[in-house]
Amino acid sequence: EIKILRPAFYLLFLGLFLGTFAGLKVIGNLSMIIQDIGFHYHDGIFAISIFSIGNAAGRISWGALYDRFKTICVPLSLVILAISCFLLIFSTTKIILYFVVFLLGFSFGANFVVYAGVITDYFGVESFSKVYPICFLAYGIAGLFGPGTGGVLADITGSYSSALILSFVILTATAVY
């Protein structure tokens, strides 16, 4: 039996794609987004470091959370990422900005942990090395289109808020689905 032909695989692939597409759309434009909402260029550069720290912490934390709470971590991480995208628009102080950026990184880091856990639980440890790399192609495809889409939306609308709102909508819909 070819494991990737199961409907669950397609849902996991789609979830990973949409989560990373929305996240990469924001991350790929993070410095410009931060400048667009009124902060200085240097704040955008520093925010990228904060995002990276959040991402690293998220990967470790979401692994522990997944071990305890299992699949509920998938929609939970997407909801936190969605809320973070929305809150970024309204970040008015550096403390709020950096906290929201940390949450962005923290919840984005879940993509690489929780989907691996679901694949292991659903398809079995013996199939992980065959199924996960194919599912992880969703991240690569999202990487090709996500950041550029954020830039194009900013060019069309004159603001990066449209990219953040689209990410919020995509992530919320994916979490509910």
N, C-alpha and C. Protein backbone atom coordinates (compact mmCIF):
# COMPACT_ATOMS: atom_id res chain seq x y z
N GLU A 1 0.84 -1.19 0.00
CA GLU A 1 0.00 0.00 0.00
C GLU A 1 0.89 1.25 0.00
N ILE A 2 0.55 2.20 -0.84
CA ILE A 2 1.28 3.46 -0.88
C ILE A 2 0.62 4.40 0.13
N LYS A 3 1.37 4.72 1.17
CA LYS A 3 0.81 5.47 2.31
C LYS A 3 0.38 6.89 1.93
N ILE A 4 1.04 7.50 0.95
CA ILE A 4 0.70 8.89 0.65
C ILE A 4 -0.61 9.03 -0.12
N LEU A 5 -1.22 7.92 -0.50
CA LEU A 5 -2.49 8.00 -1.19
C LEU A 5 -3.67 8.10 -0.23
N ARG A 6 -3.41 8.04 1.04
CA ARG A 6 -4.47 8.17 2.04
C ARG A 6 -4.93 9.63 2.11
N PRO A 7 -6.23 9.87 2.32
CA PRO A 7 -6.73 11.24 2.44
C PRO A 7 -6.03 12.04 3.55
N ALA A 8 -5.65 11.37 4.62
CA ALA A 8 -4.98 12.07 5.71
C ALA A 8 -3.68 12.71 5.24
N PHE A 9 -2.98 12.06 4.33
CA PHE A 9 -1.74 12.63 3.82
C PHE A 9 -2.02 13.95 3.11
N TYR A 10 -3.04 13.99 2.29
CA TYR A 10 -3.36 15.20 1.54
C TYR A 10 -3.76 16.34 2.47
N LEU A 11 -4.47 16.02 3.53
CA LEU A 11 -4.83 17.05 4.51
C LEU A 11 -3.60 17.57 5.24
N LEU A 12 -2.68 16.67 5.59
CA LEU A 12 -1.44 17.10 6.24
C LEU A 12 -0.60 17.96 5.29
N PHE A 13 -0.52 17.54 4.04
CA PHE A 13 0.23 18.30 3.03
C PHE A 13 -0.36 19.69 2.88
N LEU A 14 -1.68 19.76 2.77
CA LEU A 14 -2.36 21.04 2.61
C LEU A 14 -2.17 21.92 3.85
N GLY A 15 -2.31 21.33 5.03
CA GLY A 15 -2.12 22.09 6.26
C GLY A 15 -0.71 22.64 6.38
N LEU A 16 0.29 21.81 6.07
CA LEU A 16 1.67 22.26 6.13
C LEU A 16 1.92 23.34 5.09
N PHE A 17 1.37 23.17 3.89
CA PHE A 17 1.54 24.18 2.86
C PHE A 17 0.92 25.51 3.28
N LEU A 18 -0.33 25.49 3.71
CA LEU A 18 -1.01 26.74 4.05
C LEU A 18 -0.39 27.42 5.27
N GLY A 19 -0.01 26.63 6.27
CA GLY A 19 0.64 27.19 7.45
C GLY A 19 1.97 27.84 7.12
N THR A 20 2.77 27.16 6.32
CA THR A 20 4.08 27.73 5.97
C THR A 20 3.95 28.82 4.92
N PHE A 21 2.97 28.72 4.02
CA PHE A 21 2.74 29.78 3.03
C PHE A 21 2.43 31.09 3.73
N ALA A 22 1.47 31.05 4.64
CA ALA A 22 1.08 32.26 5.37
C ALA A 22 2.24 32.75 6.23
N GLY A 23 2.91 31.84 6.92
CA GLY A 23 4.03 32.23 7.77
C GLY A 23 5.19 32.80 6.99
N LEU A 24 5.55 32.16 5.88
CA LEU A 24 6.67 32.65 5.07
C LEU A 24 6.35 33.97 4.38
N LYS A 25 5.07 34.18 4.11
CA LYS A 25 4.65 35.45 3.51
C LYS A 25 4.98 36.59 4.47
N VAL A 26 4.79 36.36 5.75
CA VAL A 26 5.10 37.36 6.75
C VAL A 26 6.60 37.41 7.01
N ILE A 27 7.21 36.27 7.23
CA ILE A 27 8.62 36.22 7.57
C ILE A 27 9.50 36.80 6.46
N GLY A 28 9.16 36.46 5.23
CA GLY A 28 9.95 36.94 4.10
C GLY A 28 9.90 38.44 3.92
N ASN A 29 8.95 39.08 4.55
CA ASN A 29 8.77 40.53 4.44
C ASN A 29 8.80 41.22 5.80
N LEU A 30 9.27 40.52 6.82
CA LEU A 30 9.12 40.99 8.20
C LEU A 30 9.74 42.38 8.42
N SER A 31 10.93 42.61 7.97
CA SER A 31 11.55 43.91 8.17
C SER A 31 10.75 45.02 7.51
N MET A 32 10.27 44.77 6.31
CA MET A 32 9.47 45.77 5.60
C MET A 32 8.11 45.97 6.28
N ILE A 33 7.53 44.89 6.77
CA ILE A 33 6.25 44.99 7.49
C ILE A 33 6.41 45.89 8.71
N ILE A 34 7.48 45.68 9.44
CA ILE A 34 7.72 46.45 10.66
C ILE A 34 7.94 47.92 10.34
N GLN A 35 8.63 48.20 9.26
CA GLN A 35 8.79 49.59 8.84
C GLN A 35 7.45 50.17 8.39
N ASP A 36 6.66 49.34 7.72
CA ASP A 36 5.35 49.78 7.21
C ASP A 36 4.40 50.17 8.35
N ILE A 37 4.51 49.50 9.50
CA ILE A 37 3.62 49.84 10.62
C ILE A 37 4.19 50.97 11.48
N GLY A 38 5.35 51.53 11.06
CA GLY A 38 5.83 52.73 11.71
C GLY A 38 7.11 52.63 12.52
N PHE A 39 7.75 51.48 12.50
CA PHE A 39 9.00 51.34 13.24
C PHE A 39 10.20 51.57 12.34
N HIS A 40 11.35 51.70 12.94
CA HIS A 40 12.59 52.00 12.23
C HIS A 40 13.16 50.73 11.59
N TYR A 41 13.98 50.93 10.59
CA TYR A 41 14.67 49.84 9.89
C TYR A 41 15.39 48.91 10.87
N HIS A 42 16.08 49.50 11.85
CA HIS A 42 16.83 48.70 12.82
C HIS A 42 15.91 47.82 13.68
N ASP A 43 14.71 48.30 13.94
CA ASP A 43 13.74 47.50 14.69
C ASP A 43 13.36 46.25 13.88
N GLY A 44 13.25 46.41 12.57
CA GLY A 44 12.95 45.28 11.69
C GLY A 44 14.06 44.25 11.70
N ILE A 45 15.29 44.72 11.68
CA ILE A 45 16.44 43.81 11.71
C ILE A 45 16.47 43.06 13.04
N PHE A 46 16.28 43.78 14.14
CA PHE A 46 16.28 43.14 15.45
C PHE A 46 15.12 42.15 15.57
N ALA A 47 13.99 42.50 14.99
CA ALA A 47 12.82 41.63 15.05
C ALA A 47 13.09 40.28 14.38
N ILE A 48 13.89 40.27 13.35
CA ILE A 48 14.22 39.01 12.68
C ILE A 48 14.97 38.09 13.65
N SER A 49 15.85 38.67 14.47
CA SER A 49 16.54 37.88 15.50
C SER A 49 15.56 37.35 16.54
N ILE A 50 14.63 38.19 16.95
CA ILE A 50 13.62 37.78 17.92
C ILE A 50 12.77 36.65 17.34
N PHE A 51 12.40 36.79 16.07
CA PHE A 51 11.64 35.73 15.40
C PHE A 51 12.41 34.42 15.44
N SER A 52 13.70 34.47 15.16
CA SER A 52 14.53 33.25 15.14
C SER A 52 14.58 32.59 16.50
N ILE A 53 14.69 33.39 17.54
CA ILE A 53 14.70 32.85 18.90
C ILE A 53 13.34 32.19 19.20
N GLY A 54 12.27 32.86 18.83
CA GLY A 54 10.94 32.28 19.01
C GLY A 54 10.77 30.99 18.24
N ASN A 55 11.29 30.95 17.02
CA ASN A 55 11.21 29.75 16.19
C ASN A 55 11.93 28.58 16.85
N ALA A 56 13.13 28.83 17.35
CA ALA A 56 13.89 27.76 18.03
C ALA A 56 13.15 27.29 19.28
N ALA A 57 12.66 28.24 20.08
CA ALA A 57 11.91 27.88 21.29
C ALA A 57 10.63 27.13 20.94
N GLY A 58 10.00 27.54 19.86
CA GLY A 58 8.77 26.90 19.42
C GLY A 58 8.98 25.46 19.01
N ARG A 59 10.04 25.20 18.31
CA ARG A 59 10.30 23.83 17.86
C ARG A 59 10.46 22.90 19.06
N ILE A 60 11.17 23.35 20.06
CA ILE A 60 11.37 22.52 21.26
C ILE A 60 10.05 22.40 22.04
N SER A 61 9.40 23.53 22.27
CA SER A 61 8.17 23.54 23.07
C SER A 61 7.03 22.78 22.40
N TRP A 62 6.85 22.98 21.10
CA TRP A 62 5.76 22.29 20.41
C TRP A 62 5.99 20.79 20.37
N GLY A 63 7.25 20.37 20.37
CA GLY A 63 7.53 18.94 20.45
C GLY A 63 7.03 18.37 21.77
N ALA A 64 7.32 19.08 22.85
CA ALA A 64 6.86 18.63 24.16
C ALA A 64 5.33 18.70 24.26
N LEU A 65 4.76 19.77 23.72
CA LEU A 65 3.30 19.90 23.73
C LEU A 65 2.64 18.79 22.90
N TYR A 66 3.23 18.48 21.75
CA TYR A 66 2.65 17.43 20.92
C TYR A 66 2.70 16.08 21.64
N ASP A 67 3.80 15.80 22.31
CA ASP A 67 3.90 14.53 23.05
C ASP A 67 2.79 14.40 24.08
N ARG A 68 2.36 15.51 24.63
CA ARG A 68 1.33 15.47 25.67
C ARG A 68 -0.10 15.59 25.12
N PHE A 69 -0.30 16.48 24.13
CA PHE A 69 -1.66 16.80 23.68
C PHE A 69 -2.00 16.32 22.27
N LYS A 70 -1.02 15.81 21.56
CA LYS A 70 -1.19 15.23 20.22
C LYS A 70 -1.76 16.22 19.20
N THR A 71 -2.72 15.79 18.40
CA THR A 71 -3.13 16.52 17.20
C THR A 71 -3.79 17.86 17.46
N ILE A 72 -4.25 18.14 18.66
CA ILE A 72 -4.83 19.45 18.95
C ILE A 72 -3.78 20.55 18.77
N CYS A 73 -2.51 20.18 18.80
CA CYS A 73 -1.43 21.14 18.62
C CYS A 73 -1.41 21.73 17.22
N VAL A 74 -1.91 21.01 16.23
CA VAL A 74 -1.91 21.53 14.86
C VAL A 74 -2.80 22.77 14.76
N PRO A 75 -4.11 22.66 15.05
CA PRO A 75 -4.91 23.88 14.94
C PRO A 75 -4.53 24.95 15.96
N LEU A 76 -4.08 24.55 17.14
CA LEU A 76 -3.69 25.53 18.15
C LEU A 76 -2.52 26.37 17.66
N SER A 77 -1.52 25.73 17.07
CA SER A 77 -0.36 26.48 16.57
C SER A 77 -0.76 27.40 15.43
N LEU A 78 -1.68 26.95 14.58
CA LEU A 78 -2.15 27.80 13.47
C LEU A 78 -2.94 29.00 13.98
N VAL A 79 -3.74 28.80 15.01
CA VAL A 79 -4.51 29.91 15.59
C VAL A 79 -3.58 30.94 16.22
N ILE A 80 -2.57 30.49 16.93
CA ILE A 80 -1.61 31.42 17.54
C ILE A 80 -0.86 32.19 16.46
N LEU A 81 -0.49 31.51 15.39
CA LEU A 81 0.18 32.18 14.27
C LEU A 81 -0.76 33.20 13.63
N ALA A 82 -2.03 32.83 13.46
CA ALA A 82 -3.02 33.75 12.87
C ALA A 82 -3.19 34.99 13.74
N ILE A 83 -3.37 34.79 15.02
CA ILE A 83 -3.56 35.91 15.94
C ILE A 83 -2.32 36.80 15.94
N SER A 84 -1.15 36.20 15.90
CA SER A 84 0.10 36.98 15.88
C SER A 84 0.19 37.84 14.62
N CYS A 85 -0.22 37.28 13.48
CA CYS A 85 -0.22 38.06 12.23
C CYS A 85 -1.14 39.27 12.37
N PHE A 86 -2.31 39.05 12.94
CA PHE A 86 -3.28 40.13 13.12
C PHE A 86 -2.75 41.18 14.10
N LEU A 87 -2.20 40.73 15.23
CA LEU A 87 -1.72 41.65 16.25
C LEU A 87 -0.53 42.48 15.78
N LEU A 88 0.24 41.94 14.85
CA LEU A 88 1.39 42.67 14.35
C LEU A 88 0.97 44.01 13.75
N ILE A 89 -0.18 44.04 13.10
CA ILE A 89 -0.71 45.28 12.50
C ILE A 89 -0.88 46.37 13.56
N PHE A 90 -1.24 45.96 14.77
CA PHE A 90 -1.58 46.91 15.83
C PHE A 90 -0.48 47.07 16.87
N SER A 91 0.70 46.60 16.59
CA SER A 91 1.82 46.74 17.53
C SER A 91 2.24 48.21 17.57
N THR A 92 2.11 48.81 18.74
CA THR A 92 2.37 50.24 18.87
C THR A 92 3.63 50.57 19.65
N THR A 93 4.13 49.62 20.42
CA THR A 93 5.37 49.86 21.16
C THR A 93 6.36 48.74 20.79
N LYS A 94 7.63 49.01 21.06
CA LYS A 94 8.64 47.99 20.75
C LYS A 94 8.45 46.73 21.58
N ILE A 95 8.03 46.86 22.81
CA ILE A 95 7.81 45.68 23.65
C ILE A 95 6.70 44.81 23.07
N ILE A 96 5.60 45.43 22.68
CA ILE A 96 4.50 44.68 22.06
C ILE A 96 4.97 44.08 20.74
N LEU A 97 5.66 44.88 19.94
CA LEU A 97 6.17 44.41 18.65
C LEU A 97 7.03 43.16 18.82
N TYR A 98 8.00 43.23 19.70
CA TYR A 98 8.92 42.10 19.86
C TYR A 98 8.23 40.88 20.47
N PHE A 99 7.26 41.11 21.34
CA PHE A 99 6.49 39.99 21.90
C PHE A 99 5.70 39.30 20.78
N VAL A 100 5.03 40.08 19.95
CA VAL A 100 4.24 39.52 18.85
C VAL A 100 5.16 38.80 17.85
N VAL A 101 6.30 39.37 17.57
CA VAL A 101 7.25 38.72 16.65
C VAL A 101 7.76 37.41 17.25
N PHE A 102 8.01 37.40 18.55
CA PHE A 102 8.41 36.15 19.21
C PHE A 102 7.31 35.10 19.05
N LEU A 103 6.04 35.50 19.26
CA LEU A 103 4.91 34.57 19.08
C LEU A 103 4.83 34.07 17.64
N LEU A 104 5.09 34.95 16.69
CA LEU A 104 5.12 34.54 15.28
C LEU A 104 6.13 33.42 15.08
N GLY A 105 7.35 33.64 15.56
CA GLY A 105 8.38 32.63 15.42
C GLY A 105 8.05 31.36 16.18
N PHE A 106 7.54 31.53 17.39
CA PHE A 106 7.19 30.39 18.24
C PHE A 106 6.15 29.51 17.57
N SER A 107 5.10 30.12 17.06
CA SER A 107 4.03 29.33 16.45
C SER A 107 4.42 28.82 15.07
N PHE A 108 5.23 29.56 14.34
CA PHE A 108 5.71 29.08 13.04
C PHE A 108 6.59 27.85 13.22
N GLY A 109 7.38 27.81 14.28
CA GLY A 109 8.24 26.67 14.56
C GLY A 109 7.47 25.38 14.75
N ALA A 110 6.21 25.47 15.10
CA ALA A 110 5.38 24.27 15.28
C ALA A 110 5.22 23.49 13.99
N ASN A 111 5.22 24.19 12.85
CA ASN A 111 5.01 23.52 11.56
C ASN A 111 5.94 22.33 11.36
N PHE A 112 7.15 22.44 11.84
CA PHE A 112 8.15 21.41 11.57
C PHE A 112 8.13 20.29 12.59
N VAL A 113 7.40 20.49 13.65
CA VAL A 113 7.36 19.50 14.72
C VAL A 113 6.02 18.75 14.74
N VAL A 114 4.93 19.49 14.75
CA VAL A 114 3.63 18.84 14.93
C VAL A 114 3.25 17.98 13.73
N TYR A 115 3.60 18.42 12.53
CA TYR A 115 3.27 17.60 11.36
C TYR A 115 4.10 16.31 11.35
N ALA A 116 5.34 16.41 11.79
CA ALA A 116 6.16 15.20 11.90
C ALA A 116 5.55 14.23 12.91
N GLY A 117 5.05 14.77 14.01
CA GLY A 117 4.41 13.93 15.02
C GLY A 117 3.15 13.26 14.50
N VAL A 118 2.31 14.03 13.80
CA VAL A 118 1.08 13.47 13.26
C VAL A 118 1.40 12.38 12.23
N ILE A 119 2.37 12.63 11.40
CA ILE A 119 2.76 11.63 10.39
C ILE A 119 3.25 10.36 11.08
N THR A 120 4.05 10.51 12.11
CA THR A 120 4.54 9.34 12.83
C THR A 120 3.38 8.59 13.48
N ASP A 121 2.47 9.31 14.12
CA ASP A 121 1.34 8.66 14.79
C ASP A 121 0.40 8.00 13.79
N TYR A 122 0.14 8.66 12.68
CA TYR A 122 -0.85 8.14 11.73
C TYR A 122 -0.28 7.07 10.81
N PHE A 123 0.92 7.29 10.29
CA PHE A 123 1.49 6.37 9.31
C PHE A 123 2.48 5.37 9.90
N GLY A 124 2.91 5.60 11.13
CA GLY A 124 3.84 4.70 11.80
C GLY A 124 5.29 5.12 11.63
N VAL A 125 6.09 4.77 12.63
CA VAL A 125 7.50 5.12 12.62
C VAL A 125 8.21 4.52 11.40
N GLU A 126 7.81 3.31 11.03
CA GLU A 126 8.48 2.64 9.92
C GLU A 126 8.25 3.34 8.58
N SER A 127 7.20 4.14 8.45
CA SER A 127 6.91 4.84 7.21
C SER A 127 7.33 6.31 7.23
N PHE A 128 7.77 6.79 8.39
CA PHE A 128 8.09 8.21 8.52
C PHE A 128 9.11 8.68 7.49
N SER A 129 10.18 7.93 7.31
CA SER A 129 11.24 8.37 6.41
C SER A 129 10.81 8.39 4.94
N LYS A 130 9.70 7.75 4.64
CA LYS A 130 9.18 7.78 3.27
C LYS A 130 8.09 8.84 3.10
N VAL A 131 7.29 9.04 4.13
CA VAL A 131 6.13 9.93 4.02
C VAL A 131 6.50 11.39 4.32
N TYR A 132 7.28 11.64 5.38
CA TYR A 132 7.55 13.01 5.79
C TYR A 132 8.28 13.83 4.72
N PRO A 133 9.29 13.30 4.06
CA PRO A 133 9.95 14.12 3.03
C PRO A 133 9.00 14.54 1.90
N ILE A 134 8.07 13.70 1.57
CA ILE A 134 7.11 14.06 0.52
C ILE A 134 6.17 15.14 1.04
N CYS A 135 5.73 14.99 2.27
CA CYS A 135 4.87 16.01 2.88
C CYS A 135 5.63 17.33 3.03
N PHE A 136 6.91 17.24 3.34
CA PHE A 136 7.72 18.44 3.55
C PHE A 136 7.92 19.24 2.27
N LEU A 137 7.63 18.63 1.13
CA LEU A 137 7.67 19.39 -0.13
C LEU A 137 6.70 20.58 -0.07
N ALA A 138 5.66 20.45 0.74
CA ALA A 138 4.71 21.56 0.91
C ALA A 138 5.43 22.81 1.40
N TYR A 139 6.41 22.64 2.28
CA TYR A 139 7.19 23.77 2.78
C TYR A 139 7.98 24.40 1.64
N GLY A 140 8.60 23.59 0.82
CA GLY A 140 9.37 24.11 -0.31
C GLY A 140 8.50 24.87 -1.29
N ILE A 141 7.33 24.34 -1.58
CA ILE A 141 6.42 25.02 -2.50
C ILE A 141 5.95 26.34 -1.88
N ALA A 142 5.63 26.31 -0.60
CA ALA A 142 5.22 27.53 0.10
C ALA A 142 6.35 28.57 0.08
N GLY A 143 7.58 28.10 0.19
CA GLY A 143 8.73 29.00 0.15
C GLY A 143 8.89 29.68 -1.19
N LEU A 144 8.46 29.02 -2.25
CA LEU A 144 8.54 29.62 -3.58
C LEU A 144 7.51 30.74 -3.77
N PHE A 145 6.35 30.60 -3.14
CA PHE A 145 5.26 31.53 -3.40
C PHE A 145 4.91 32.48 -2.25
N GLY A 146 5.14 32.07 -1.01
CA GLY A 146 4.73 32.87 0.14
C GLY A 146 5.36 34.25 0.21
N PRO A 147 6.69 34.36 0.29
CA PRO A 147 7.30 35.68 0.44
C PRO A 147 6.99 36.61 -0.74
N GLY A 148 7.01 36.10 -1.94
CA GLY A 148 6.70 36.93 -3.11
C GLY A 148 5.27 37.44 -3.09
N THR A 149 4.36 36.59 -2.63
CA THR A 149 2.96 37.00 -2.55
C THR A 149 2.79 38.17 -1.59
N GLY A 150 3.52 38.13 -0.48
CA GLY A 150 3.46 39.25 0.47
C GLY A 150 3.93 40.54 -0.16
N GLY A 151 5.02 40.47 -0.93
CA GLY A 151 5.53 41.66 -1.61
C GLY A 151 4.59 42.17 -2.68
N VAL A 152 4.01 41.26 -3.44
CA VAL A 152 3.07 41.66 -4.50
C VAL A 152 1.84 42.32 -3.89
N LEU A 153 1.31 41.74 -2.81
CA LEU A 153 0.16 42.35 -2.15
C LEU A 153 0.48 43.76 -1.65
N ALA A 154 1.68 43.94 -1.12
CA ALA A 154 2.08 45.28 -0.65
C ALA A 154 2.20 46.24 -1.83
N ASP A 155 2.71 45.76 -2.95
CA ASP A 155 2.81 46.61 -4.14
C ASP A 155 1.43 47.02 -4.64
N ILE A 156 0.50 46.09 -4.64
CA ILE A 156 -0.85 46.36 -5.15
C ILE A 156 -1.63 47.28 -4.22
N THR A 157 -1.54 47.01 -2.90
CA THR A 157 -2.37 47.75 -1.95
C THR A 157 -1.67 48.94 -1.31
N GLY A 158 -0.35 48.98 -1.42
CA GLY A 158 0.40 50.07 -0.80
C GLY A 158 0.71 49.85 0.66
N SER A 159 0.42 48.65 1.17
CA SER A 159 0.64 48.36 2.58
C SER A 159 0.84 46.85 2.78
N TYR A 160 1.66 46.52 3.75
CA TYR A 160 1.85 45.10 4.09
C TYR A 160 0.72 44.55 4.95
N SER A 161 -0.17 45.41 5.40
CA SER A 161 -1.30 44.95 6.21
C SER A 161 -2.14 43.93 5.45
N SER A 162 -2.22 44.09 4.14
CA SER A 162 -3.00 43.14 3.33
C SER A 162 -2.40 41.74 3.41
N ALA A 163 -1.08 41.65 3.42
CA ALA A 163 -0.42 40.34 3.54
C ALA A 163 -0.69 39.74 4.91
N LEU A 164 -0.69 40.57 5.94
CA LEU A 164 -0.97 40.09 7.29
C LEU A 164 -2.41 39.63 7.43
N ILE A 165 -3.32 40.38 6.86
CA ILE A 165 -4.73 40.00 6.93
C ILE A 165 -4.98 38.71 6.14
N LEU A 166 -4.38 38.59 4.96
CA LEU A 166 -4.52 37.35 4.19
C LEU A 166 -3.95 36.17 4.96
N SER A 167 -2.81 36.35 5.61
CA SER A 167 -2.24 35.29 6.43
C SER A 167 -3.19 34.92 7.56
N PHE A 168 -3.77 35.92 8.21
CA PHE A 168 -4.74 35.67 9.28
C PHE A 168 -5.90 34.81 8.76
N VAL A 169 -6.44 35.18 7.62
CA VAL A 169 -7.59 34.45 7.05
C VAL A 169 -7.19 33.03 6.68
N ILE A 170 -6.07 32.86 6.00
CA ILE A 170 -5.62 31.52 5.59
C ILE A 170 -5.38 30.63 6.81
N LEU A 171 -4.69 31.16 7.78
CA LEU A 171 -4.36 30.38 8.98
C LEU A 171 -5.60 30.02 9.78
N THR A 172 -6.52 30.96 9.92
CA THR A 172 -7.75 30.69 10.65
C THR A 172 -8.58 29.62 9.94
N ALA A 173 -8.71 29.75 8.62
CA ALA A 173 -9.46 28.76 7.84
C ALA A 173 -8.80 27.40 7.93
N THR A 174 -7.49 27.35 7.88
CA THR A 174 -6.77 26.07 7.96
C THR A 174 -6.94 25.45 9.33
N ALA A 175 -6.89 26.25 10.38
CA ALA A 175 -7.06 25.74 11.75
C ALA A 175 -8.45 25.17 11.96
N VAL A 176 -9.45 25.83 11.40
CA VAL A 176 -10.82 25.37 11.55
C VAL A 176 -11.07 24.12 10.74
N TYR A 177 -10.45 24.05 9.58
CA TYR A 177 -10.65 22.93 8.68
C TYR A 177 -10.06 21.69 9.27
